[in-house]
Structure formats: C-alpha cells, structure tokens
C-alpha cells in the first residue's frame, strides 16, 4: 500500500472505482471478449491503484487506469485466453432510450448495423475509436494508453471514421466527429 494508506486514500480509490469501473470493464471486455474475465482484470487494476501514490498519478488517473487495464488484457491475450467476441449479446444487454417505438427500432437497427461495421474494422482502429468516442479520452490520453503518438492516434481515428462512413454508405465526410450517446453505445456494443 502507498504511503497515503488511510481514509483519504481509500476514499480516492473508491471514487475512482465508482467513476471508472463500468467504462473500464466495457473496454476490457472488447479486448478479451469475455465479460467475467474483464471484471477480474479491472479488479486487478484497482488493486494496483490501491498500492499507488495518489500524488504521483492523480493528474493522469484515467490514462493510467486504461493503460494498466490494456496491459493486463494484452497479457491475458498472449496467454491464449482470448475469447471470441459476442457483440450481439452486448447489443441485447443495453436498454433502449426514451422515445417512440419507431425511433427505438430505427436506432437499434442503425446501431446494430454500425456495430457490425465497427467490428469489421482492424482491431487497432476499433480500439482508438472506442477510447475516443465511448470513453471520452483525449488524443494524448489515447496515446498514453496505446503507446502511439498523439498524431498517430489522430490518423487512426480519421482512418477509422472514414472506413466506418464508407461501410455505412455515408458519402459526406465529417471534419470532426462529435461523440453522441448513440455513437458511444454503438462503439461499446449496444444502444443506450
């Protein structure tokens, strides 16, 4: 445990857990393909956080957690425990938002189609798109998590969005993609 071990440190870790556990589990599930294993790996990341000096990582907490989780997931995959992805299960897990039944069906159809197309992108493009739009990380934070340069992250996001627009039949390119609840849901495997 760090030198901070005490009630304030415990409260900080608890706050981080409440804020990041869900998004990290979703992110890791996409990397390892198994929800149960993803929860175990995220739990390990938080155990490691308990042993860290708060002052040393507080300013970069999100990228630190994503990096630890990504490294644990990559280690898991190297061990040969990578499971096949079950994107349709994830789509069915998410509740639909408020609105008309027709809007909900249309949104689900669009999300399902986009989900299929995102899953067909190369894994590296999928990862940067999810980190950007579903998890809200900056280019610099994504670079820290993935080990890429921020400019390479920008290139990969551009490539991913261009490929996704092409696959979806959207002709007009969007200069700067803006995350929406639907785009985040699509990238994470369902509709919110």
Foldseek 3Di string as FASTA:
>chain_A
DAPPPDDVLVVVLVVCCVVPLVVQLLLLCVLQQDSVVSNVLLVVLSVVSSHDDCVVCVVPVVLSSLQSSVVSSVVCVVVVNRDDHDLVVLAVVDDADDDDPVVRVVLQVVLVQLLVQLVPDPPVLLNLQLCCQQVPDQLPSVCSNPVHHSVVSVVSPQVSQVSSCVSVVNDDDDPDDDHDQSSNQSSSRHHD
